[in-house]
Protein backbone atom coordinates (compact mmCIF):
# COMPACT_ATOMS: atom_id res chain seq x y z
CA UNK A 1 -15.69 -4.49 6.68
CA UNK A 2 -15.96 -3.04 3.19
CA UNK A 3 -12.53 -1.41 3.29
CA UNK A 4 -10.74 -4.36 4.85
CA UNK A 5 -12.03 -6.94 2.35
CA UNK A 6 -10.50 -5.00 -0.55
CA UNK A 7 -7.23 -4.24 1.21
CA UNK A 8 -5.38 -7.59 0.79
CA UNK A 9 -5.91 -7.47 -2.98
CA UNK A 10 -4.09 -4.13 -3.18
CA UNK A 11 -0.83 -5.45 -1.72
CA UNK A 12 1.92 -5.10 -4.33
CA UNK A 13 3.74 -8.29 -5.23
CA UNK A 14 7.21 -8.64 -3.76
CA UNK A 15 9.76 -7.30 -6.26
CA UNK A 16 11.89 -9.93 -7.96
CA UNK A 17 15.67 -9.80 -7.28
CA UNK A 18 16.20 -8.57 -10.84
CA UNK A 19 14.18 -5.39 -10.22
CA UNK A 20 15.40 -4.89 -6.66
CA UNK A 21 17.83 -2.18 -7.79
CA UNK A 22 15.32 -0.46 -10.06
CA UNK A 23 14.85 2.93 -8.43
CA UNK A 24 11.59 3.52 -10.32
CA UNK A 25 10.12 0.24 -9.05
CA UNK A 26 11.21 1.00 -5.50
CA UNK A 27 9.71 4.49 -5.79
CA UNK A 28 6.37 3.12 -6.99
CA UNK A 29 6.29 0.52 -4.19
CA UNK A 30 7.08 3.23 -1.63
CA UNK A 31 4.32 5.44 -3.05
CA UNK A 32 1.88 2.53 -2.83
CA UNK A 33 2.92 1.90 0.78
CA UNK A 34 2.42 5.57 1.67
CA UNK A 35 -0.96 5.61 -0.08
CA UNK A 36 -2.11 2.55 1.86
CA UNK A 37 -0.87 4.06 5.12
CA UNK A 38 -2.75 7.30 4.48
CA UNK A 39 -5.91 5.40 3.55
CA UNK A 40 -5.68 3.28 6.70
CA UNK A 41 -5.22 6.42 8.80
CA UNK A 42 -8.20 8.08 7.08
CA UNK A 43 -10.45 5.06 7.68
CA UNK A 44 -9.29 4.86 11.29
CA UNK A 45 -10.21 8.52 11.82
CA UNK A 46 -13.63 7.91 10.28
CA UNK A 47 -14.33 4.92 12.52
CA UNK A 48 -13.00 6.40 15.75
CA UNK A 49 -14.38 9.82 14.94
């Protein structure tokens, strides 16, 4: 419960069309997505054991 309540707040805002082609922005969003995926996997391993 503790992890899941914080999770929605961490979702990055959808990039505006103006920054869609900004490679740095896309990179940061991808890094955030990978970080969230790794955290979810880690929490899942903790819960399932």
